[in-house]
Amino acid sequence: MEKKRLVVSYNNVSPEVLEAIRLKYPLGYSNHVIKVKTRGDDFFYAITVDTADASYLVKVPVKIDTKGNINDDDNLEDINNEKESEDNFPDNDPNSENDE
């Protein structure tokens, strides 16, 4: 007999499936999340887990970190400014003589 294949939300999993998730991902599932495409441009994130009678695709909530991306242009400008100021130090000029 072939196992059933089910899609279920993490909020609606049974205690048996929750225990299977804990056993399969003892350190957390954040590095095991897959992106599942649906019709059109829609998608959801999920993890896989098996029980004795079924294979589950469990929809999980994913929070995308956008804090680092908000001011990337500003950060790049700061890095470029730092590089330019480092280039103006005499120690970085290969043609300058060392006073040591």
Protein backbone atom coordinates (compact mmCIF):
# COMPACT_ATOMS: atom_id res chain seq x y z
CA MET A 1 0.00 0.00 0.00
CA GLU A 2 1.33 3.43 -0.98
CA LYS A 3 1.48 6.25 1.57
CA LYS A 4 -0.99 9.11 1.31
CA ARG A 5 0.52 12.43 0.28
CA LEU A 6 -0.98 15.35 2.16
CA VAL A 7 -0.51 19.12 2.33
CA VAL A 8 -1.35 20.69 5.67
CA SER A 9 -0.71 23.99 7.45
CA TYR A 10 1.63 23.93 10.45
CA ASN A 11 -1.19 25.40 12.56
CA ASN A 12 -3.41 22.39 11.76
CA VAL A 13 -1.02 19.44 12.17
CA SER A 14 -1.92 16.58 14.44
CA PRO A 15 0.16 15.78 17.53
CA GLU A 16 1.56 12.76 15.67
CA VAL A 17 2.84 14.94 12.82
CA LEU A 18 4.17 17.55 15.26
CA GLU A 19 6.18 14.83 17.01
CA ALA A 20 7.51 13.62 13.64
CA ILE A 21 8.63 17.18 12.88
CA ARG A 22 10.41 17.40 16.24
CA LEU A 23 12.19 14.10 15.60
CA LYS A 24 13.24 14.95 12.03
CA TYR A 25 14.31 18.53 12.80
CA PRO A 26 15.61 18.53 16.41
CA LEU A 27 17.60 21.73 15.80
CA GLY A 28 14.78 23.47 13.93
CA TYR A 29 13.64 23.38 10.35
CA SER A 30 14.73 26.86 9.19
CA ASN A 31 17.51 25.45 6.98
CA HIS A 32 15.19 22.85 5.44
CA VAL A 33 12.35 25.03 4.17
CA ILE A 34 11.49 24.66 0.49
CA LYS A 35 9.59 27.04 -1.76
CA VAL A 36 6.62 25.36 -3.44
CA LYS A 37 5.15 27.02 -6.52
CA THR A 38 1.44 26.81 -7.17
CA ARG A 39 -0.59 27.98 -10.14
CA GLY A 40 0.42 31.32 -11.56
CA ASP A 41 2.87 33.35 -9.53
CA ASP A 42 1.67 32.05 -6.16
CA PHE A 43 3.87 30.01 -3.83
CA PHE A 44 4.22 28.88 -0.24
CA TYR A 45 7.00 27.60 1.98
CA ALA A 46 6.96 24.10 3.43
CA ILE A 47 8.90 21.29 5.06
CA THR A 48 8.54 17.57 4.45
CA VAL A 49 7.89 14.95 7.08
CA ASP A 50 6.76 11.31 7.01
CA THR A 51 4.66 9.28 9.41
CA ALA A 52 3.80 5.59 9.26
CA ASP A 53 0.76 6.18 7.07
CA ALA A 54 1.45 9.43 5.13
CA SER A 55 3.99 11.82 3.64
CA TYR A 56 3.29 15.42 4.56
CA LEU A 57 4.12 18.72 2.98
CA VAL A 58 3.69 21.06 5.94
CA LYS A 59 3.14 24.74 5.11
CA VAL A 60 5.25 26.87 7.44
CA PRO A 61 5.30 30.61 8.07
CA VAL A 62 8.44 32.34 6.82
CA LYS A 63 9.51 35.82 7.82
CA ILE A 64 11.88 37.45 5.35
CA ASP A 65 14.53 39.71 6.89
CA THR A 66 14.51 42.98 4.96
CA LYS A 67 16.32 45.17 7.49
CA GLY A 68 19.70 44.70 5.84
CA ASN A 69 18.35 45.54 2.40
CA ILE A 70 16.65 48.86 3.17
CA ASN A 71 19.75 51.07 2.95
CA ASP A 72 22.06 48.97 0.79
CA ASP A 73 22.85 51.94 -1.46
CA ASP A 74 23.80 54.02 1.59
CA ASN A 75 25.96 51.20 2.93
CA LEU A 76 27.70 50.82 -0.42
CA GLU A 77 28.35 54.56 -0.53
CA ASP A 78 29.84 54.43 3.00
CA ILE A 79 32.12 51.56 1.99
CA ASN A 80 33.27 53.44 -1.12
CA ASN A 81 33.95 56.57 0.96
CA GLU A 82 36.02 54.53 3.43
CA LYS A 83 38.01 53.03 0.57
CA GLU A 84 38.71 56.48 -0.90
CA SER A 85 39.87 57.84 2.46
CA GLU A 86 42.17 54.83 2.95
CA ASP A 87 43.71 55.49 -0.46
CA ASN A 88 44.71 58.98 0.70
CA PHE A 89 46.96 57.70 3.52
CA PRO A 90 50.68 57.92 2.68
CA ASP A 91 51.21 54.37 3.96
CA ASN A 92 49.14 53.03 1.12
CA ASP A 93 51.09 54.88 -1.55
CA PRO A 94 53.69 52.52 -3.04
CA ASN A 95 55.75 55.49 -4.34
CA SER A 96 56.13 57.15 -0.92
CA GLU A 97 59.22 56.66 1.20
CA ASN A 98 58.94 55.20 4.67
CA ASP A 99 60.27 57.43 7.47
CA GLU A 100 60.99 54.48 9.74
